[in-house]
């Protein structure tokens, strides 16, 4: 017996079958659901100047890699809740992904690290009502002993991104030099990963000391290590010194203002919550010491309460923030 082709089926039977399939909805989706929801993310309200420079570092875990509407919606909700002036972001997949994130954020501009070719770019997002962009770019002109392996130290060529800007409130303007970093993560060879973070931090420290001795530096990012002691250990219980020790030891020039959170065993990475290790940090230079608002550093964990399944839908990191009173 021969197989019947569509053309051999009566028109009435074929039309009946089509109408039946249509009434059942598209296979794999609920009725009315599409590849991308028709829902639009509401525009946020602009953040008015108040003389407080609020800075945030946040790793949004491969943001934009899958064009995930829910991740964008959640990320916008978190950023809108913070009302910060400056966001230093990590793991932004592309310039186009950042544009999607910025679209509903009224009064914010931003840019990615164009020198990072792979999909874990750093980025800055800033409030245009308080911040005027001066210049930005990659930090590459380090001392000779670090230059040859500079890309290797930072992994995937994600060398630090700087952003020089003016923060203005009424008659007061303060120039800042922000740097966003994303340190080498622990991979198969933990010892080698630790050495790479150590060399990267050393190179950055000496660059800032040599080239930016009087700049108001804010160093934000996913350090991928703690600052009281390292996550890396030679044997259980014997932890190595933090790879960011130069910033700790030169207290007259720098202060890791989030170190207090490490001492208190707080964590911003959901993978390190039980261990109480903090890997997302903020460091400032002595030029900004007078402006720093004591005890303003915090892990912003509120999204765990108002966003269901935060880790699987948004990020495995929580934002960390700090505030500076520019007019005090």
C-alpha atoms as a PDB file:
ATOM      1  CA  UNK A   1       0.000   0.000   0.000  1.00  0.00           C
ATOM      2  CA  UNK A   2       1.388   3.419  -0.947  1.00  0.00           C
ATOM      3  CA  UNK A   3       1.820   6.242   1.607  1.00  0.00           C
ATOM      4  CA  UNK A   4      -0.692   8.989   1.126  1.00  0.00           C
ATOM      5  CA  UNK A   5       0.727  12.449   0.433  1.00  0.00           C
ATOM      6  CA  UNK A   6      -0.856  15.678   1.636  1.00  0.00           C
ATOM      7  CA  UNK A   7      -2.138  16.317  -1.817  1.00  0.00           C
ATOM      8  CA  UNK A   8      -4.103  13.086  -1.664  1.00  0.00           C
ATOM      9  CA  UNK A   9      -5.933  14.106   1.511  1.00  0.00           C
ATOM     10  CA  UNK A  10      -9.248  15.810   0.984  1.00  0.00           C
ATOM     11  CA  UNK A  11      -9.157  19.620   1.442  1.00  0.00           C
ATOM     12  CA  UNK A  12     -11.801  19.444   4.159  1.00  0.00           C
ATOM     13  CA  UNK A  13      -9.806  16.878   6.198  1.00  0.00           C
ATOM     14  CA  UNK A  14      -6.571  18.892   5.815  1.00  0.00           C
ATOM     15  CA  UNK A  15      -8.272  22.125   6.946  1.00  0.00           C
ATOM     16  CA  UNK A  16      -9.780  20.358   9.950  1.00  0.00           C
ATOM     17  CA  UNK A  17      -6.321  19.076  10.996  1.00  0.00           C
ATOM     18  CA  UNK A  18      -4.761  22.532  10.689  1.00  0.00           C
ATOM     19  CA  UNK A  19      -7.489  24.141  12.780  1.00  0.00           C
ATOM     20  CA  UNK A  20      -7.084  21.461  15.435  1.00  0.00           C
ATOM     21  CA  UNK A  21      -3.304  22.022  15.696  1.00  0.00           C
ATOM     22  CA  UNK A  22      -3.782  25.800  15.833  1.00  0.00           C
ATOM     23  CA  UNK A  23      -6.289  25.482  18.670  1.00  0.00           C
ATOM     24  CA  UNK A  24      -3.762  23.433  20.662  1.00  0.00           C
ATOM     25  CA  UNK A  25      -1.139  26.184  20.553  1.00  0.00           C
ATOM     26  CA  UNK A  26       2.453  26.057  19.386  1.00  0.00           C
ATOM     27  CA  UNK A  27       4.227  22.863  20.496  1.00  0.00           C
ATOM     28  CA  UNK A  28       6.608  23.528  23.379  1.00  0.00           C
ATOM     29  CA  UNK A  29       4.899  26.741  24.569  1.00  0.00           C
ATOM     30  CA  UNK A  30       1.857  27.559  26.616  1.00  0.00           C
ATOM     31  CA  UNK A  31      -0.968  29.386  24.884  1.00  0.00           C
ATOM     32  CA  UNK A  32       0.052  32.963  24.138  1.00  0.00           C
ATOM     33  CA  UNK A  33       3.735  32.424  25.022  1.00  0.00           C
ATOM     34  CA  UNK A  34       6.392  33.406  22.484  1.00  0.00           C
ATOM     35  CA  UNK A  35      10.165  33.199  22.185  1.00  0.00           C
ATOM     36  CA  UNK A  36      10.439  36.681  23.699  1.00  0.00           C
ATOM     37  CA  UNK A  37       7.698  37.978  26.005  1.00  0.00           C
ATOM     38  CA  UNK A  38       5.551  40.827  24.746  1.00  0.00           C
ATOM     39  CA  UNK A  39       5.896  42.373  28.206  1.00  0.00           C
ATOM     40  CA  UNK A  40       8.049  45.490  28.281  1.00  0.00           C
ATOM     41  CA  UNK A  41      10.248  46.455  31.185  1.00  0.00           C
ATOM     42  CA  UNK A  42       8.930  49.770  32.566  1.00  0.00           C
ATOM     43  CA  UNK A  43      11.173  52.815  32.384  1.00  0.00           C
ATOM     44  CA  UNK A  44      12.793  53.642  35.715  1.00  0.00           C
ATOM     45  CA  UNK A  45      12.685  57.047  37.363  1.00  0.00           C
ATOM     46  CA  UNK A  46      15.833  59.176  36.993  1.00  0.00           C
ATOM     47  CA  UNK A  47      18.128  59.414  40.025  1.00  0.00           C
ATOM     48  CA  UNK A  48      18.392  63.008  41.232  1.00  0.00           C
ATOM     49  CA  UNK A  49      21.734  64.418  42.460  1.00  0.00           C
ATOM     50  CA  UNK A  50      22.097  64.532  46.250  1.00  0.00           C
ATOM     51  CA  UNK A  51      25.821  65.046  46.835  1.00  0.00           C
ATOM     52  CA  UNK A  52      26.368  61.368  47.692  1.00  0.00           C
ATOM     53  CA  UNK A  53      28.394  59.406  45.147  1.00  0.00           C
ATOM     54  CA  UNK A  54      27.065  55.854  45.404  1.00  0.00           C
ATOM     55  CA  UNK A  55      29.248  53.193  43.795  1.00  0.00           C
ATOM     56  CA  UNK A  56      28.422  49.547  43.139  1.00  0.00           C
ATOM     57  CA  UNK A  57      30.320  46.533  41.882  1.00  0.00           C
ATOM     58  CA  UNK A  58      28.287  43.627  40.526  1.00  0.00           C
ATOM     59  CA  UNK A  59      29.086  40.497  38.545  1.00  0.00           C
ATOM     60  CA  UNK A  60      25.867  39.712  36.605  1.00  0.00           C
ATOM     61  CA  UNK A  61      27.068  36.235  35.572  1.00  0.00           C
ATOM     62  CA  UNK A  62      27.219  35.968  31.782  1.00  0.00           C
ATOM     63  CA  UNK A  63      24.655  38.713  31.333  1.00  0.00           C
ATOM     64  CA  UNK A  64      23.286  38.756  27.782  1.00  0.00           C
ATOM     65  CA  UNK A  65      24.870  35.488  26.667  1.00  0.00           C
ATOM     66  CA  UNK A  66      21.441  33.938  26.109  1.00  0.00           C
ATOM     67  CA  UNK A  67      19.301  37.041  25.509  1.00  0.00           C
ATOM     68  CA  UNK A  68      17.355  36.146  28.661  1.00  0.00           C
ATOM     69  CA  UNK A  69      14.443  38.528  29.191  1.00  0.00           C
ATOM     70  CA  UNK A  70      13.969  37.459  32.805  1.00  0.00           C
ATOM     71  CA  UNK A  71      17.618  38.143  33.655  1.00  0.00           C
ATOM     72  CA  UNK A  72      17.330  41.633  32.153  1.00  0.00           C
ATOM     73  CA  UNK A  73      14.104  42.338  34.022  1.00  0.00           C
ATOM     74  CA  UNK A  74      15.650  41.214  37.316  1.00  0.00           C
ATOM     75  CA  UNK A  75      18.912  43.088  36.766  1.00  0.00           C
ATOM     76  CA  UNK A  76      17.042  46.310  36.013  1.00  0.00           C
ATOM     77  CA  UNK A  77      14.972  45.842  39.160  1.00  0.00           C
ATOM     78  CA  UNK A  78      18.095  45.416  41.277  1.00  0.00           C
ATOM     79  CA  UNK A  79      19.887  48.407  39.760  1.00  0.00           C
ATOM     80  CA  UNK A  80      16.782  50.583  40.077  1.00  0.00           C
ATOM     81  CA  UNK A  81      16.508  49.621  43.752  1.00  0.00           C
ATOM     82  CA  UNK A  82      20.098  50.712  44.411  1.00  0.00           C
ATOM     83  CA  UNK A  83      19.744  54.175  42.811  1.00  0.00           C
ATOM     84  CA  UNK A  84      23.533  54.310  42.460  1.00  0.00           C
ATOM     85  CA  UNK A  85      25.528  56.845  40.476  1.00  0.00           C
ATOM     86  CA  UNK A  86      28.211  54.435  39.280  1.00  0.00           C
ATOM     87  CA  UNK A  87      27.941  50.713  38.518  1.00  0.00           C
ATOM     88  CA  UNK A  88      31.067  48.692  37.763  1.00  0.00           C
ATOM     89  CA  UNK A  89      29.793  45.518  36.107  1.00  0.00           C
ATOM     90  CA  UNK A  90      31.449  42.245  35.202  1.00  0.00           C
ATOM     91  CA  UNK A  91      30.535  39.440  32.794  1.00  0.00           C
ATOM     92  CA  UNK A  92      28.645  41.577  30.279  1.00  0.00           C
ATOM     93  CA  UNK A  93      28.497  39.514  27.105  1.00  0.00           C
ATOM     94  CA  UNK A  94      28.613  42.309  24.536  1.00  0.00           C
ATOM     95  CA  UNK A  95      28.024  45.976  23.801  1.00  0.00           C
ATOM     96  CA  UNK A  96      24.585  45.025  22.450  1.00  0.00           C
ATOM     97  CA  UNK A  97      23.758  43.226  25.704  1.00  0.00           C
ATOM     98  CA  UNK A  98      24.664  46.327  27.698  1.00  0.00           C
ATOM     99  CA  UNK A  99      22.444  48.418  25.410  1.00  0.00           C
ATOM    100  CA  UNK A 100      19.532  46.104  26.236  1.00  0.00           C
ATOM    101  CA  UNK A 101      20.200  46.547  29.952  1.00  0.00           C
ATOM    102  CA  UNK A 102      20.439  50.326  29.617  1.00  0.00           C
ATOM    103  CA  UNK A 103      17.242  50.771  27.603  1.00  0.00           C
ATOM    104  CA  UNK A 104      14.823  50.938  30.572  1.00  0.00           C
ATOM    105  CA  UNK A 105      17.311  52.669  32.921  1.00  0.00           C
ATOM    106  CA  UNK A 106      16.325  56.298  32.532  1.00  0.00           C
ATOM    107  CA  UNK A 107      19.188  58.754  32.844  1.00  0.00           C
ATOM    108  CA  UNK A 108      21.999  56.200  32.599  1.00  0.00           C
ATOM    109  CA  UNK A 109      24.701  55.780  29.989  1.00  0.00           C
ATOM    110  CA  UNK A 110      27.354  53.095  29.837  1.00  0.00           C
ATOM    111  CA  UNK A 111      30.073  51.359  27.896  1.00  0.00           C
ATOM    112  CA  UNK A 112      31.849  48.020  27.804  1.00  0.00           C
ATOM    113  CA  UNK A 113      35.543  47.157  27.704  1.00  0.00           C
ATOM    114  CA  UNK A 114      36.089  47.128  23.951  1.00  0.00           C
ATOM    115  CA  UNK A 115      39.556  45.615  24.358  1.00  0.00           C
ATOM    116  CA  UNK A 116      38.094  42.392  25.800  1.00  0.00           C
ATOM    117  CA  UNK A 117      37.280  40.178  22.825  1.00  0.00           C
ATOM    118  CA  UNK A 118      35.475  37.377  24.643  1.00  0.00           C
ATOM    119  CA  UNK A 119      32.067  37.430  26.313  1.00  0.00           C
ATOM    120  CA  UNK A 120      33.078  38.353  29.860  1.00  0.00           C
ATOM    121  CA  UNK A 121      33.497  42.090  29.434  1.00  0.00           C
ATOM    122  CA  UNK A 122      33.687  44.633  32.194  1.00  0.00           C
ATOM    123  CA  UNK A 123      31.476  47.709  31.902  1.00  0.00           C
ATOM    124  CA  UNK A 124      30.600  50.992  33.546  1.00  0.00           C
ATOM    125  CA  UNK A 125      27.072  52.354  33.851  1.00  0.00           C
ATOM    126  CA  UNK A 126      26.701  55.893  35.214  1.00  0.00           C
ATOM    127  CA  UNK A 127      24.071  58.455  36.117  1.00  0.00           C
ATOM    128  CA  UNK A 128      24.304  61.301  33.603  1.00  0.00           C
ATOM    129  CA  UNK A 129      22.651  63.697  36.062  1.00  0.00           C
ATOM    130  CA  UNK A 130      25.679  63.505  38.369  1.00  0.00           C
ATOM    131  CA  UNK A 131      28.586  62.182  36.297  1.00  0.00           C
ATOM    132  CA  UNK A 132      30.326  63.702  33.302  1.00  0.00           C
ATOM    133  CA  UNK A 133      32.544  61.321  31.368  1.00  0.00           C
ATOM    134  CA  UNK A 134      36.092  62.539  30.712  1.00  0.00           C
ATOM    135  CA  UNK A 135      37.872  59.522  29.245  1.00  0.00           C
ATOM    136  CA  UNK A 136      38.037  55.729  29.442  1.00  0.00           C
ATOM    137  CA  UNK A 137      40.167  52.858  28.209  1.00  0.00           C
ATOM    138  CA  UNK A 138      42.251  49.813  29.003  1.00  0.00           C
ATOM    139  CA  UNK A 139      45.147  49.878  31.467  1.00  0.00           C
ATOM    140  CA  UNK A 140      48.077  48.402  29.585  1.00  0.00           C
ATOM    141  CA  UNK A 141      51.114  50.648  30.116  1.00  0.00           C
ATOM    142  CA  UNK A 142      52.364  48.776  33.171  1.00  0.00           C
ATOM    143  CA  UNK A 143      55.930  48.238  34.324  1.00  0.00           C
ATOM    144  CA  UNK A 144      58.071  46.170  31.989  1.00  0.00           C
ATOM    145  CA  UNK A 145      58.231  43.131  34.282  1.00  0.00           C
ATOM    146  CA  UNK A 146      54.449  42.722  34.029  1.00  0.00           C
ATOM    147  CA  UNK A 147      53.849  43.842  30.460  1.00  0.00           C
ATOM    148  CA  UNK A 148      54.636  40.672  28.506  1.00  0.00           C
ATOM    149  CA  UNK A 149      52.145  38.495  30.412  1.00  0.00           C
ATOM    150  CA  UNK A 150      49.658  41.214  31.317  1.00  0.00           C
ATOM    151  CA  UNK A 151      46.771  39.646  29.365  1.00  0.00           C
ATOM    152  CA  UNK A 152      47.592  36.211  30.745  1.00  0.00           C
ATOM    153  CA  UNK A 153      47.573  37.411  34.349  1.00  0.00           C
ATOM    154  CA  UNK A 154      44.023  38.736  33.997  1.00  0.00           C
ATOM    155  CA  UNK A 155      42.651  35.792  31.970  1.00  0.00           C
ATOM    156  CA  UNK A 156      40.923  36.090  28.602  1.00  0.00           C
ATOM    157  CA  UNK A 157      42.586  39.445  28.037  1.00  0.00           C
ATOM    158  CA  UNK A 158      40.207  41.177  30.448  1.00  0.00           C
ATOM    159  CA  UNK A 159      42.779  43.700  31.635  1.00  0.00           C
ATOM    160  CA  UNK A 160      41.444  46.519  33.836  1.00  0.00           C
ATOM    161  CA  UNK A 161      39.120  49.153  32.388  1.00  0.00           C
ATOM    162  CA  UNK A 162      39.443  52.711  33.693  1.00  0.00           C
ATOM    163  CA  UNK A 163      36.895  55.524  33.668  1.00  0.00           C
ATOM    164  CA  UNK A 164      37.882  59.095  34.509  1.00  0.00           C
ATOM    165  CA  UNK A 165      34.876  61.234  35.333  1.00  0.00           C
ATOM    166  CA  UNK A 166      33.679  64.344  37.173  1.00  0.00           C
ATOM    167  CA  UNK A 167      31.022  64.013  39.837  1.00  0.00           C
ATOM    168  CA  UNK A 168      29.205  67.318  40.303  1.00  0.00           C
ATOM    169  CA  UNK A 169      26.669  68.461  42.849  1.00  0.00           C
ATOM    170  CA  UNK A 170      25.656  72.116  42.826  1.00  0.00           C
ATOM    171  CA  UNK A 171      28.938  74.085  43.012  1.00  0.00           C
ATOM    172  CA  UNK A 172      31.142  71.119  43.972  1.00  0.00           C
ATOM    173  CA  UNK A 173      32.981  68.933  41.436  1.00  0.00           C
ATOM    174  CA  UNK A 174      35.291  66.036  42.284  1.00  0.00           C
ATOM    175  CA  UNK A 175      37.326  64.173  39.678  1.00  0.00           C
ATOM    176  CA  UNK A 176      37.493  60.410  40.119  1.00  0.00           C
ATOM    177  CA  UNK A 177      39.467  57.660  38.437  1.00  0.00           C
ATOM    178  CA  UNK A 178      37.430  54.457  38.610  1.00  0.00           C
ATOM    179  CA  UNK A 179      38.870  51.073  37.642  1.00  0.00           C
ATOM    180  CA  UNK A 180      36.865  47.885  37.181  1.00  0.00           C
ATOM    181  CA  UNK A 181      38.648  44.523  37.412  1.00  0.00           C
ATOM    182  CA  UNK A 182      37.770  40.870  37.061  1.00  0.00           C
ATOM    183  CA  UNK A 183      40.506  38.708  38.551  1.00  0.00           C
ATOM    184  CA  UNK A 184      41.513  35.261  37.375  1.00  0.00           C
ATOM    185  CA  UNK A 185      39.123  32.645  38.717  1.00  0.00           C
ATOM    186  CA  UNK A 186      40.213  29.413  40.364  1.00  0.00           C
ATOM    187  CA  UNK A 187      40.395  26.759  37.674  1.00  0.00           C
ATOM    188  CA  UNK A 188      42.054  23.332  37.550  1.00  0.00           C
ATOM    189  CA  UNK A 189      45.434  24.563  38.820  1.00  0.00           C
ATOM    190  CA  UNK A 190      44.560  26.618  41.906  1.00  0.00           C
ATOM    191  CA  UNK A 191      48.182  27.485  42.602  1.00  0.00           C
ATOM    192  CA  UNK A 192      48.739  28.876  39.115  1.00  0.00           C
ATOM    193  CA  UNK A 193      45.460  30.812  39.273  1.00  0.00           C
ATOM    194  CA  UNK A 194      46.551  32.342  42.573  1.00  0.00           C
ATOM    195  CA  UNK A 195      49.921  33.386  41.116  1.00  0.00           C
ATOM    196  CA  UNK A 196      48.192  35.039  38.176  1.00  0.00           C
ATOM    197  CA  UNK A 197      45.908  37.044  40.487  1.00  0.00           C
ATOM    198  CA  UNK A 198      48.941  37.986  42.553  1.00  0.00           C
ATOM    199  CA  UNK A 199      50.958  39.227  39.574  1.00  0.00           C
ATOM    200  CA  UNK A 200      47.946  41.056  38.149  1.00  0.00           C
ATOM    201  CA  UNK A 201      47.318  42.870  41.432  1.00  0.00           C
ATOM    202  CA  UNK A 202      51.000  43.777  41.791  1.00  0.00           C
ATOM    203  CA  UNK A 203      51.158  45.177  38.278  1.00  0.00           C
ATOM    204  CA  UNK A 204      48.020  47.228  38.805  1.00  0.00           C
ATOM    205  CA  UNK A 205      49.236  48.559  42.163  1.00  0.00           C
ATOM    206  CA  UNK A 206      52.529  49.798  40.744  1.00  0.00           C
ATOM    207  CA  UNK A 207      50.795  51.271  37.695  1.00  0.00           C
ATOM    208  CA  UNK A 208      48.480  53.314  39.908  1.00  0.00           C
ATOM    209  CA  UNK A 209      51.370  54.411  42.132  1.00  0.00           C
ATOM    210  CA  UNK A 210      53.538  55.373  39.146  1.00  0.00           C
ATOM    211  CA  UNK A 211      50.985  56.889  36.786  1.00  0.00           C
ATOM    212  CA  UNK A 212      48.107  58.079  39.001  1.00  0.00           C
ATOM    213  CA  UNK A 213      49.772  59.228  42.245  1.00  0.00           C
ATOM    214  CA  UNK A 214      47.247  62.021  42.927  1.00  0.00           C
ATOM    215  CA  UNK A 215      44.095  60.574  41.370  1.00  0.00           C
ATOM    216  CA  UNK A 216      40.955  59.866  43.368  1.00  0.00           C
ATOM    217  CA  UNK A 217      40.967  56.133  42.654  1.00  0.00           C
ATOM    218  CA  UNK A 218      38.023  53.774  43.139  1.00  0.00           C
ATOM    219  CA  UNK A 219      38.981  50.177  42.340  1.00  0.00           C
ATOM    220  CA  UNK A 220      35.880  48.009  42.027  1.00  0.00           C
ATOM    221  CA  UNK A 221      35.249  44.509  40.807  1.00  0.00           C
ATOM    222  CA  UNK A 222      35.188  40.793  41.168  1.00  0.00           C
ATOM    223  CA  UNK A 223      38.639  40.278  42.688  1.00  0.00           C
ATOM    224  CA  UNK A 224      38.030  36.505  42.644  1.00  0.00           C
ATOM    225  CA  UNK A 225      39.819  36.356  45.977  1.00  0.00           C
ATOM    226  CA  UNK A 226      39.447  37.714  49.471  1.00  0.00           C
ATOM    227  CA  UNK A 227      41.511  40.488  51.045  1.00  0.00           C
ATOM    228  CA  UNK A 228      42.001  39.306  54.640  1.00  0.00           C
ATOM    229  CA  UNK A 229      43.547  36.074  53.401  1.00  0.00           C
ATOM    230  CA  UNK A 230      43.414  34.208  50.104  1.00  0.00           C
ATOM    231  CA  UNK A 231      40.916  31.517  49.183  1.00  0.00           C
ATOM    232  CA  UNK A 232      43.921  29.501  48.055  1.00  0.00           C
ATOM    233  CA  UNK A 233      45.663  27.269  50.581  1.00  0.00           C
ATOM    234  CA  UNK A 234      48.716  25.051  50.464  1.00  0.00           C
ATOM    235  CA  UNK A 235      47.021  22.627  52.840  1.00  0.00           C
ATOM    236  CA  UNK A 236      43.662  22.808  54.643  1.00  0.00           C
ATOM    237  CA  UNK A 237      43.682  25.628  57.176  1.00  0.00           C
ATOM    238  CA  UNK A 238      46.931  27.129  55.862  1.00  0.00           C
ATOM    239  CA  UNK A 239      45.721  29.914  53.596  1.00  0.00           C
ATOM    240  CA  UNK A 240      48.083  31.987  51.499  1.00  0.00           C
ATOM    241  CA  UNK A 241      48.251  35.745  51.935  1.00  0.00           C
ATOM    242  CA  UNK A 242      45.830  37.750  49.852  1.00  0.00           C
ATOM    243  CA  UNK A 243      47.125  38.445  46.332  1.00  0.00           C
ATOM    244  CA  UNK A 244      46.061  42.067  46.914  1.00  0.00           C
ATOM    245  CA  UNK A 245      48.532  42.493  49.763  1.00  0.00           C
ATOM    246  CA  UNK A 246      50.189  45.601  48.247  1.00  0.00           C
ATOM    247  CA  UNK A 247      46.908  47.479  48.597  1.00  0.00           C
ATOM    248  CA  UNK A 248      46.569  46.275  52.196  1.00  0.00           C
ATOM    249  CA  UNK A 249      50.127  46.996  53.294  1.00  0.00           C
ATOM    250  CA  UNK A 250      50.319  50.524  51.861  1.00  0.00           C
ATOM    251  CA  UNK A 251      47.559  51.895  54.061  1.00  0.00           C
ATOM    252  CA  UNK A 252      48.770  55.464  53.668  1.00  0.00           C
ATOM    253  CA  UNK A 253      47.881  55.268  49.953  1.00  0.00           C
ATOM    254  CA  UNK A 254      45.005  52.790  49.724  1.00  0.00           C
ATOM    255  CA  UNK A 255      42.239  51.278  51.795  1.00  0.00           C
ATOM    256  CA  UNK A 256      40.201  48.234  50.845  1.00  0.00           C
ATOM    257  CA  UNK A 257      37.040  49.625  52.377  1.00  0.00           C
ATOM    258  CA  UNK A 258      35.176  46.332  51.971  1.00  0.00           C
ATOM    259  CA  UNK A 259      37.758  44.485  54.064  1.00  0.00           C
ATOM    260  CA  UNK A 260      35.523  44.969  57.093  1.00  0.00           C
ATOM    261  CA  UNK A 261      32.936  42.764  55.365  1.00  0.00           C
ATOM    262  CA  UNK A 262      35.555  40.028  55.015  1.00  0.00           C
ATOM    263  CA  UNK A 263      36.372  40.341  58.712  1.00  0.00           C
ATOM    264  CA  UNK A 264      32.667  39.970  59.478  1.00  0.00           C
ATOM    265  CA  UNK A 265      32.551  36.831  57.281  1.00  0.00           C
ATOM    266  CA  UNK A 266      30.033  38.274  54.870  1.00  0.00           C
ATOM    267  CA  UNK A 267      29.836  37.049  51.298  1.00  0.00           C
ATOM    268  CA  UNK A 268      28.535  38.459  48.017  1.00  0.00           C
ATOM    269  CA  UNK A 269      29.101  35.273  46.032  1.00  0.00           C
ATOM    270  CA  UNK A 270      26.378  32.700  46.532  1.00  0.00           C
ATOM    271  CA  UNK A 271      28.998  29.998  45.977  1.00  0.00           C
ATOM    272  CA  UNK A 272      30.953  31.160  49.032  1.00  0.00           C
ATOM    273  CA  UNK A 273      28.101  31.953  51.410  1.00  0.00           C
ATOM    274  CA  UNK A 274      28.805  29.067  53.776  1.00  0.00           C
ATOM    275  CA  UNK A 275      32.539  29.791  53.910  1.00  0.00           C
ATOM    276  CA  UNK A 276      31.983  33.498  54.556  1.00  0.00           C
ATOM    277  CA  UNK A 277      34.443  34.648  51.903  1.00  0.00           C
ATOM    278  CA  UNK A 278      34.003  37.933  50.055  1.00  0.00           C
ATOM    279  CA  UNK A 279      35.443  38.208  46.528  1.00  0.00           C
ATOM    280  CA  UNK A 280      33.701  41.377  45.306  1.00  0.00           C
ATOM    281  CA  UNK A 281      35.555  44.380  46.690  1.00  0.00           C
ATOM    282  CA  UNK A 282      36.019  48.151  46.585  1.00  0.00           C
ATOM    283  CA  UNK A 283      39.348  49.886  47.238  1.00  0.00           C
ATOM    284  CA  UNK A 284      39.961  53.646  47.330  1.00  0.00           C
ATOM    285  CA  UNK A 285      43.039  55.855  47.311  1.00  0.00           C
ATOM    286  CA  UNK A 286      43.883  58.374  50.042  1.00  0.00           C
ATOM    287  CA  UNK A 287      42.515  61.271  47.956  1.00  0.00           C
ATOM    288  CA  UNK A 288      39.013  59.901  48.631  1.00  0.00           C
ATOM    289  CA  UNK A 289      39.507  58.992  52.307  1.00  0.00           C
ATOM    290  CA  UNK A 290      37.873  62.261  53.495  1.00  0.00           C
ATOM    291  CA  UNK A 291      34.744  61.609  51.432  1.00  0.00           C
ATOM    292  CA  UNK A 292      34.150  57.974  52.351  1.00  0.00           C
ATOM    293  CA  UNK A 293      31.059  57.501  54.518  1.00  0.00           C
ATOM    294  CA  UNK A 294      32.008  55.214  57.386  1.00  0.00           C
ATOM    295  CA  UNK A 295      30.155  51.913  57.523  1.00  0.00           C
ATOM    296  CA  UNK A 296      28.443  52.572  54.196  1.00  0.00           C
ATOM    297  CA  UNK A 297      29.896  49.445  52.574  1.00  0.00           C
ATOM    298  CA  UNK A 298      27.430  46.597  52.353  1.00  0.00           C
ATOM    299  CA  UNK A 299      26.450  43.481  50.492  1.00  0.00           C
ATOM    300  CA  UNK A 300      23.078  44.228  48.922  1.00  0.00           C
ATOM    301  CA  UNK A 301      21.249  40.992  49.697  1.00  0.00           C
ATOM    302  CA  UNK A 302      17.663  42.327  49.535  1.00  0.00           C
ATOM    303  CA  UNK A 303      17.114  40.790  46.043  1.00  0.00           C
ATOM    304  CA  UNK A 304      17.200  37.339  47.630  1.00  0.00           C
ATOM    305  CA  UNK A 305      13.884  38.264  49.238  1.00  0.00           C
ATOM    306  CA  UNK A 306      12.116  39.946  46.323  1.00  0.00           C
ATOM    307  CA  UNK A 307      13.431  37.908  43.367  1.00  0.00           C
ATOM    308  CA  UNK A 308      12.562  34.224  43.411  1.00  0.00           C
ATOM    309  CA  UNK A 309      15.324  31.796  42.413  1.00  0.00           C
ATOM    310  CA  UNK A 310      17.772  34.698  42.228  1.00  0.00           C
ATOM    311  CA  UNK A 311      20.850  32.537  41.639  1.00  0.00           C
ATOM    312  CA  UNK A 312      19.374  30.638  38.686  1.00  0.00           C
ATOM    313  CA  UNK A 313      17.545  33.584  37.105  1.00  0.00           C
ATOM    314  CA  UNK A 314      19.804  36.583  37.727  1.00  0.00           C
ATOM    315  CA  UNK A 315      23.343  36.022  39.030  1.00  0.00           C
ATOM    316  CA  UNK A 316      25.469  34.009  41.426  1.00  0.00           C
ATOM    317  CA  UNK A 317      26.789  37.298  42.843  1.00  0.00           C
ATOM    318  CA  UNK A 318      25.137  40.025  44.873  1.00  0.00           C
ATOM    319  CA  UNK A 319      26.013  43.718  44.449  1.00  0.00           C
ATOM    320  CA  UNK A 320      28.443  45.360  46.854  1.00  0.00           C
ATOM    321  CA  UNK A 321      28.292  49.098  47.359  1.00  0.00           C
ATOM    322  CA  UNK A 322      29.945  52.058  49.072  1.00  0.00           C
ATOM    323  CA  UNK A 323      29.039  55.752  49.431  1.00  0.00           C
ATOM    324  CA  UNK A 324      31.038  58.986  49.350  1.00  0.00           C
ATOM    325  CA  UNK A 325      29.811  62.340  50.672  1.00  0.00           C
ATOM    326  CA  UNK A 326      31.250  64.731  48.135  1.00  0.00           C
ATOM    327  CA  UNK A 327      30.114  67.949  49.853  1.00  0.00           C
ATOM    328  CA  UNK A 328      31.110  67.217  53.454  1.00  0.00           C
END
